[in-house]
Amino acid sequence: MKNLTPNKKLLVIAGIFLLVFFIPFTHPRIANAIQEAFLMLADYAHEHVLLCVVPALFIAGAIVVFLNL
């Protein structure tokens, strides 16, 4: 948005606001989609921590041990 004039920025922000304002969040399908999105995010966070971050910490620890020898 750095190349937009102030009027175009205002239109983009107003358009996004109107889009979000008129989304029927009380509709069961929309509410279910939002709930599923958060459940998927939580599942991804758990999987990412177990499968990526923990092994990366072990690898980093091994590198530190070998560098301090």
PDB file of N, CA and C in Angstrom:
ATOM      1  N   MET A   1       0.815  -1.194   0.000  1.00  0.00           N
ATOM      2  CA  MET A   1       0.000   0.000   0.000  1.00  0.00           C
ATOM      3  C   MET A   1       0.858   1.257   0.000  1.00  0.00           C
ATOM      4  N   LYS A   2       2.165   1.150  -0.237  1.00  0.00           N
ATOM      5  CA  LYS A   2       3.006   2.333  -0.168  1.00  0.00           C
ATOM      6  C   LYS A   2       2.890   3.207  -1.407  1.00  0.00           C
ATOM      7  N   ASN A   3       2.409   2.679  -2.528  1.00  0.00           N
ATOM      8  CA  ASN A   3       2.286   3.475  -3.749  1.00  0.00           C
ATOM      9  C   ASN A   3       0.888   4.040  -3.947  1.00  0.00           C
ATOM     10  N   LEU A   4       0.003   3.835  -3.000  1.00  0.00           N
ATOM     11  CA  LEU A   4      -1.369   4.314  -3.134  1.00  0.00           C
ATOM     12  C   LEU A   4      -1.493   5.734  -2.601  1.00  0.00           C
ATOM     13  N   THR A   5      -2.378   6.484  -3.232  1.00  0.00           N
ATOM     14  CA  THR A   5      -2.665   7.825  -2.731  1.00  0.00           C
ATOM     15  C   THR A   5      -3.500   7.697  -1.458  1.00  0.00           C
ATOM     16  N   PRO A   6      -3.551   8.747  -0.651  1.00  0.00           N
ATOM     17  CA  PRO A   6      -4.348   8.660   0.584  1.00  0.00           C
ATOM     18  C   PRO A   6      -5.819   8.325   0.333  1.00  0.00           C
ATOM     19  N   ASN A   7      -6.382   8.819  -0.770  1.00  0.00           N
ATOM     20  CA  ASN A   7      -7.788   8.511  -1.066  1.00  0.00           C
ATOM     21  C   ASN A   7      -7.979   7.027  -1.386  1.00  0.00           C
ATOM     22  N   LYS A   8      -7.037   6.446  -2.115  1.00  0.00           N
ATOM     23  CA  LYS A   8      -7.145   5.025  -2.445  1.00  0.00           C
ATOM     24  C   LYS A   8      -6.947   4.164  -1.200  1.00  0.00           C
ATOM     25  N   LYS A   9      -6.043   4.593  -0.314  1.00  0.00           N
ATOM     26  CA  LYS A   9      -5.861   3.863   0.940  1.00  0.00           C
ATOM     27  C   LYS A   9      -7.152   3.871   1.751  1.00  0.00           C
ATOM     28  N   LEU A  10      -7.794   5.036   1.793  1.00  0.00           N
ATOM     29  CA  LEU A  10      -9.055   5.151   2.523  1.00  0.00           C
ATOM     30  C   LEU A  10     -10.118   4.241   1.922  1.00  0.00           C
ATOM     31  N   LEU A  11     -10.183   4.183   0.591  1.00  0.00           N
ATOM     32  CA  LEU A  11     -11.156   3.309  -0.063  1.00  0.00           C
ATOM     33  C   LEU A  11     -10.881   1.833   0.232  1.00  0.00           C
ATOM     34  N   VAL A  12      -9.618   1.447   0.234  1.00  0.00           N
ATOM     35  CA  VAL A  12      -9.274   0.055   0.532  1.00  0.00           C
ATOM     36  C   VAL A  12      -9.665  -0.289   1.966  1.00  0.00           C
ATOM     37  N   ILE A  13      -9.325   0.587   2.907  1.00  0.00           N
ATOM     38  CA  ILE A  13      -9.654   0.335   4.308  1.00  0.00           C
ATOM     39  C   ILE A  13     -11.168   0.303   4.506  1.00  0.00           C
ATOM     40  N   ALA A  14     -11.885   1.243   3.874  1.00  0.00           N
ATOM     41  CA  ALA A  14     -13.345   1.271   3.993  1.00  0.00           C
ATOM     42  C   ALA A  14     -13.963   0.025   3.364  1.00  0.00           C
ATOM     43  N   GLY A  15     -13.418  -0.428   2.240  1.00  0.00           N
ATOM     44  CA  GLY A  15     -13.927  -1.637   1.597  1.00  0.00           C
ATOM     45  C   GLY A  15     -13.743  -2.870   2.465  1.00  0.00           C
ATOM     46  N   ILE A  16     -12.569  -2.992   3.080  1.00  0.00           N
ATOM     47  CA  ILE A  16     -12.327  -4.127   3.973  1.00  0.00           C
ATOM     48  C   ILE A  16     -13.258  -4.059   5.176  1.00  0.00           C
ATOM     49  N   PHE A  17     -13.437  -2.845   5.726  1.00  0.00           N
ATOM     50  CA  PHE A  17     -14.344  -2.691   6.862  1.00  0.00           C
ATOM     51  C   PHE A  17     -15.762  -3.106   6.487  1.00  0.00           C
ATOM     52  N   LEU A  18     -16.244  -2.647   5.336  1.00  0.00           N
ATOM     53  CA  LEU A  18     -17.607  -2.990   4.924  1.00  0.00           C
ATOM     54  C   LEU A  18     -17.755  -4.487   4.671  1.00  0.00           C
ATOM     55  N   LEU A  19     -16.725  -5.090   4.091  1.00  0.00           N
ATOM     56  CA  LEU A  19     -16.763  -6.529   3.857  1.00  0.00           C
ATOM     57  C   LEU A  19     -16.892  -7.284   5.175  1.00  0.00           C
ATOM     58  N   VAL A  20     -16.079  -6.920   6.155  1.00  0.00           N
ATOM     59  CA  VAL A  20     -16.130  -7.597   7.452  1.00  0.00           C
ATOM     60  C   VAL A  20     -17.420  -7.258   8.193  1.00  0.00           C
ATOM     61  N   PHE A  21     -17.892  -6.021   8.034  1.00  0.00           N
ATOM     62  CA  PHE A  21     -19.097  -5.584   8.734  1.00  0.00           C
ATOM     63  C   PHE A  21     -20.321  -6.386   8.305  1.00  0.00           C
ATOM     64  N   PHE A  22     -20.391  -6.736   7.026  1.00  0.00           N
ATOM     65  CA  PHE A  22     -21.584  -7.408   6.521  1.00  0.00           C
ATOM     66  C   PHE A  22     -21.467  -8.932   6.475  1.00  0.00           C
ATOM     67  N   ILE A  23     -20.385  -9.502   6.988  1.00  0.00           N
ATOM     68  CA  ILE A  23     -20.285 -10.960   7.062  1.00  0.00           C
ATOM     69  C   ILE A  23     -21.243 -11.454   8.149  1.00  0.00           C
ATOM     70  N   PRO A  24     -22.100 -12.405   7.838  1.00  0.00           N
ATOM     71  CA  PRO A  24     -23.063 -12.895   8.845  1.00  0.00           C
ATOM     72  C   PRO A  24     -22.406 -13.897   9.801  1.00  0.00           C
ATOM     73  N   PHE A  25     -21.741 -13.382  10.830  1.00  0.00           N
ATOM     74  CA  PHE A  25     -21.017 -14.248  11.759  1.00  0.00           C
ATOM     75  C   PHE A  25     -21.944 -15.153  12.560  1.00  0.00           C
ATOM     76  N   THR A  26     -23.223 -14.824  12.634  1.00  0.00           N
ATOM     77  CA  THR A  26     -24.156 -15.670  13.382  1.00  0.00           C
ATOM     78  C   THR A  26     -24.665 -16.847  12.559  1.00  0.00           C
ATOM     79  N   HIS A  27     -24.413 -16.838  11.264  1.00  0.00           N
ATOM     80  CA  HIS A  27     -24.824 -17.956  10.409  1.00  0.00           C
ATOM     81  C   HIS A  27     -24.010 -19.187  10.809  1.00  0.00           C
ATOM     82  N   PRO A  28     -24.664 -20.339  10.968  1.00  0.00           N
ATOM     83  CA  PRO A  28     -23.946 -21.530  11.443  1.00  0.00           C
ATOM     84  C   PRO A  28     -22.766 -21.930  10.559  1.00  0.00           C
ATOM     85  N   ARG A  29     -22.906 -21.763   9.263  1.00  0.00           N
ATOM     86  CA  ARG A  29     -21.821 -22.165   8.370  1.00  0.00           C
ATOM     87  C   ARG A  29     -20.591 -21.275   8.555  1.00  0.00           C
ATOM     88  N   ILE A  30     -20.805 -19.969   8.709  1.00  0.00           N
ATOM     89  CA  ILE A  30     -19.698 -19.036   8.915  1.00  0.00           C
ATOM     90  C   ILE A  30     -19.066 -19.278  10.286  1.00  0.00           C
ATOM     91  N   ALA A  31     -19.896 -19.434  11.320  1.00  0.00           N
ATOM     92  CA  ALA A  31     -19.383 -19.669  12.674  1.00  0.00           C
ATOM     93  C   ALA A  31     -18.586 -20.969  12.729  1.00  0.00           C
ATOM     94  N   ASN A  32     -19.073 -22.007  12.054  1.00  0.00           N
ATOM     95  CA  ASN A  32     -18.371 -23.284  12.025  1.00  0.00           C
ATOM     96  C   ASN A  32     -17.039 -23.155  11.294  1.00  0.00           C
ATOM     97  N   ALA A  33     -17.014 -22.392  10.218  1.00  0.00           N
ATOM     98  CA  ALA A  33     -15.769 -22.204   9.474  1.00  0.00           C
ATOM     99  C   ALA A  33     -14.721 -21.498  10.326  1.00  0.00           C
ATOM    100  N   ILE A  34     -15.141 -20.493  11.080  1.00  0.00           N
ATOM    101  CA  ILE A  34     -14.199 -19.773  11.941  1.00  0.00           C
ATOM    102  C   ILE A  34     -13.699 -20.685  13.055  1.00  0.00           C
ATOM    103  N   GLN A  35     -14.602 -21.459  13.641  1.00  0.00           N
ATOM    104  CA  GLN A  35     -14.199 -22.389  14.697  1.00  0.00           C
ATOM    105  C   GLN A  35     -13.224 -23.430  14.154  1.00  0.00           C
ATOM    106  N   GLU A  36     -13.497 -23.971  12.993  1.00  0.00           N
ATOM    107  CA  GLU A  36     -12.601 -24.959  12.393  1.00  0.00           C
ATOM    108  C   GLU A  36     -11.243 -24.353  12.062  1.00  0.00           C
ATOM    109  N   ALA A  37     -11.233 -23.096  11.640  1.00  0.00           N
ATOM    110  CA  ALA A  37      -9.962 -22.433  11.344  1.00  0.00           C
ATOM    111  C   ALA A  37      -9.098 -22.339  12.596  1.00  0.00           C
ATOM    112  N   PHE A  38      -9.701 -21.985  13.729  1.00  0.00           N
ATOM    113  CA  PHE A  38      -8.931 -21.910  14.969  1.00  0.00           C
ATOM    114  C   PHE A  38      -8.500 -23.290  15.449  1.00  0.00           C
ATOM    115  N   LEU A  39      -9.340 -24.301  15.252  1.00  0.00           N
ATOM    116  CA  LEU A  39      -8.948 -25.657  15.628  1.00  0.00           C
ATOM    117  C   LEU A  39      -7.792 -26.153  14.762  1.00  0.00           C
ATOM    118  N   MET A  40      -7.832 -25.835  13.473  1.00  0.00           N
ATOM    119  CA  MET A  40      -6.727 -26.209  12.590  1.00  0.00           C
ATOM    120  C   MET A  40      -5.445 -25.482  12.979  1.00  0.00           C
ATOM    121  N   LEU A  41      -5.561 -24.212  13.371  1.00  0.00           N
ATOM    122  CA  LEU A  41      -4.398 -23.445  13.810  1.00  0.00           C
ATOM    123  C   LEU A  41      -3.785 -24.068  15.057  1.00  0.00           C
ATOM    124  N   ALA A  42      -4.618 -24.469  16.009  1.00  0.00           N
ATOM    125  CA  ALA A  42      -4.116 -25.102  17.227  1.00  0.00           C
ATOM    126  C   ALA A  42      -3.449 -26.434  16.906  1.00  0.00           C
ATOM    127  N   ASP A  43      -4.044 -27.218  16.026  1.00  0.00           N
ATOM    128  CA  ASP A  43      -3.463 -28.498  15.631  1.00  0.00           C
ATOM    129  C   ASP A  43      -2.120 -28.291  14.943  1.00  0.00           C
ATOM    130  N   TYR A  44      -2.047 -27.299  14.065  1.00  0.00           N
ATOM    131  CA  TYR A  44      -0.784 -26.993  13.390  1.00  0.00           C
ATOM    132  C   TYR A  44       0.276 -26.568  14.396  1.00  0.00           C
ATOM    133  N   ALA A  45      -0.105 -25.741  15.371  1.00  0.00           N
ATOM    134  CA  ALA A  45       0.863 -25.282  16.365  1.00  0.00           C
ATOM    135  C   ALA A  45       1.413 -26.461  17.166  1.00  0.00           C
ATOM    136  N   HIS A  46       0.545 -27.388  17.570  1.00  0.00           N
ATOM    137  CA  HIS A  46       1.012 -28.558  18.314  1.00  0.00           C
ATOM    138  C   HIS A  46       1.947 -29.407  17.462  1.00  0.00           C
ATOM    139  N   GLU A  47       1.557 -29.666  16.227  1.00  0.00           N
ATOM    140  CA  GLU A  47       2.384 -30.485  15.337  1.00  0.00           C
ATOM    141  C   GLU A  47       3.720 -29.805  15.056  1.00  0.00           C
ATOM    142  N   HIS A  48       3.695 -28.503  14.834  1.00  0.00           N
ATOM    143  CA  HIS A  48       4.917 -27.773  14.509  1.00  0.00           C
ATOM    144  C   HIS A  48       5.886 -27.807  15.689  1.00  0.00           C
ATOM    145  N   VAL A  49       5.374 -27.622  16.887  1.00  0.00           N
ATOM    146  CA  VAL A  49       6.250 -27.639  18.059  1.00  0.00           C
ATOM    147  C   VAL A  49       6.870 -29.016  18.230  1.00  0.00           C
ATOM    148  N   LEU A  50       6.065 -30.066  18.118  1.00  0.00           N
ATOM    149  CA  LEU A  50       6.593 -31.411  18.341  1.00  0.00           C
ATOM    150  C   LEU A  50       7.525 -31.872  17.229  1.00  0.00           C
ATOM    151  N   LEU A  51       7.193 -31.562  15.998  1.00  0.00           N
ATOM    152  CA  LEU A  51       7.945 -32.124  14.879  1.00  0.00           C
ATOM    153  C   LEU A  51       9.059 -31.227  14.358  1.00  0.00           C
ATOM    154  N   CYS A  52       9.048 -29.930  14.697  1.00  0.00           N
ATOM    155  CA  CYS A  52      10.063 -29.026  14.156  1.00  0.00           C
ATOM    156  C   CYS A  52      10.887 -28.338  15.231  1.00  0.00           C
ATOM    157  N   VAL A  53      10.233 -27.742  16.197  1.00  0.00           N
ATOM    158  CA  VAL A  53      10.956 -26.932  17.174  1.00  0.00           C
ATOM    159  C   VAL A  53      11.769 -27.801  18.127  1.00  0.00           C
ATOM    160  N   VAL A  54      11.197 -28.871  18.638  1.00  0.00           N
ATOM    161  CA  VAL A  54      11.927 -29.730  19.576  1.00  0.00           C
ATOM    162  C   VAL A  54      13.161 -30.346  18.915  1.00  0.00           C
ATOM    163  N   PRO A  55      13.068 -30.932  17.723  1.00  0.00           N
ATOM    164  CA  PRO A  55      14.291 -31.430  17.088  1.00  0.00           C
ATOM    165  C   PRO A  55      15.303 -30.321  16.785  1.00  0.00           C
ATOM    166  N   ALA A  56      14.829 -29.137  16.430  1.00  0.00           N
ATOM    167  CA  ALA A  56      15.754 -28.037  16.164  1.00  0.00           C
ATOM    168  C   ALA A  56      16.520 -27.656  17.425  1.00  0.00           C
ATOM    169  N   LEU A  57      15.866 -27.699  18.573  1.00  0.00           N
ATOM    170  CA  LEU A  57      16.561 -27.393  19.825  1.00  0.00           C
ATOM    171  C   LEU A  57      17.598 -28.467  20.152  1.00  0.00           C
ATOM    172  N   PHE A  58      17.281 -29.728  19.887  1.00  0.00           N
ATOM    173  CA  PHE A  58      18.270 -30.784  20.093  1.00  0.00           C
ATOM    174  C   PHE A  58      19.466 -30.599  19.162  1.00  0.00           C
ATOM    175  N   ILE A  59      19.219 -30.254  17.921  1.00  0.00           N
ATOM    176  CA  ILE A  59      20.304 -30.030  16.970  1.00  0.00           C
ATOM    177  C   ILE A  59      21.148 -28.839  17.401  1.00  0.00           C
ATOM    178  N   ALA A  60      20.498 -27.759  17.833  1.00  0.00           N
ATOM    179  CA  ALA A  60      21.239 -26.585  18.296  1.00  0.00           C
ATOM    180  C   ALA A  60      22.073 -26.930  19.525  1.00  0.00           C
ATOM    181  N   GLY A  61      21.527 -27.721  20.424  1.00  0.00           N
ATOM    182  CA  GLY A  61      22.289 -28.143  21.597  1.00  0.00           C
ATOM    183  C   GLY A  61      23.495 -28.979  21.215  1.00  0.00           C
ATOM    184  N   ALA A  62      23.333 -29.867  20.244  1.00  0.00           N
ATOM    185  CA  ALA A  62      24.455 -30.685  19.784  1.00  0.00           C
ATOM    186  C   ALA A  62      25.531 -29.818  19.145  1.00  0.00           C
ATOM    187  N   ILE A  63      25.141 -28.823  18.389  1.00  0.00           N
ATOM    188  CA  ILE A  63      26.116 -27.919  17.769  1.00  0.00           C
ATOM    189  C   ILE A  63      26.891 -27.167  18.841  1.00  0.00           C
ATOM    190  N   VAL A  64      26.199 -26.694  19.866  1.00  0.00           N
ATOM    191  CA  VAL A  64      26.872 -25.976  20.954  1.00  0.00           C
ATOM    192  C   VAL A  64      27.860 -26.891  21.668  1.00  0.00           C
ATOM    193  N   VAL A  65      27.476 -28.142  21.900  1.00  0.00           N
ATOM    194  CA  VAL A  65      28.374 -29.084  22.570  1.00  0.00           C
ATOM    195  C   VAL A  65      29.621 -29.308  21.727  1.00  0.00           C
ATOM    196  N   PHE A  66      29.469 -29.495  20.429  1.00  0.00           N
ATOM    197  CA  PHE A  66      30.634 -29.740  19.578  1.00  0.00           C
ATOM    198  C   PHE A  66      31.505 -28.498  19.426  1.00  0.00           C
ATOM    199  N   LEU A  67      30.926 -27.310  19.463  1.00  0.00           N
ATOM    200  CA  LEU A  67      31.727 -26.090  19.341  1.00  0.00           C
ATOM    201  C   LEU A  67      32.486 -25.769  20.622  1.00  0.00           C
ATOM    202  N   ASN A  68      31.992 -26.234  21.754  1.00  0.00           N
ATOM    203  CA  ASN A  68      32.661 -25.953  23.028  1.00  0.00           C
ATOM    204  C   ASN A  68      33.730 -26.978  23.374  1.00  0.00           C
ATOM    205  N   LEU A  69      33.963 -27.974  22.541  1.00  0.00           N
ATOM    206  CA  LEU A  69      34.991 -28.981  22.834  1.00  0.00           C
ATOM    207  C   LEU A  69      36.345 -28.439  22.649  1.00  0.00           C
TER     208      LEU A  69
END
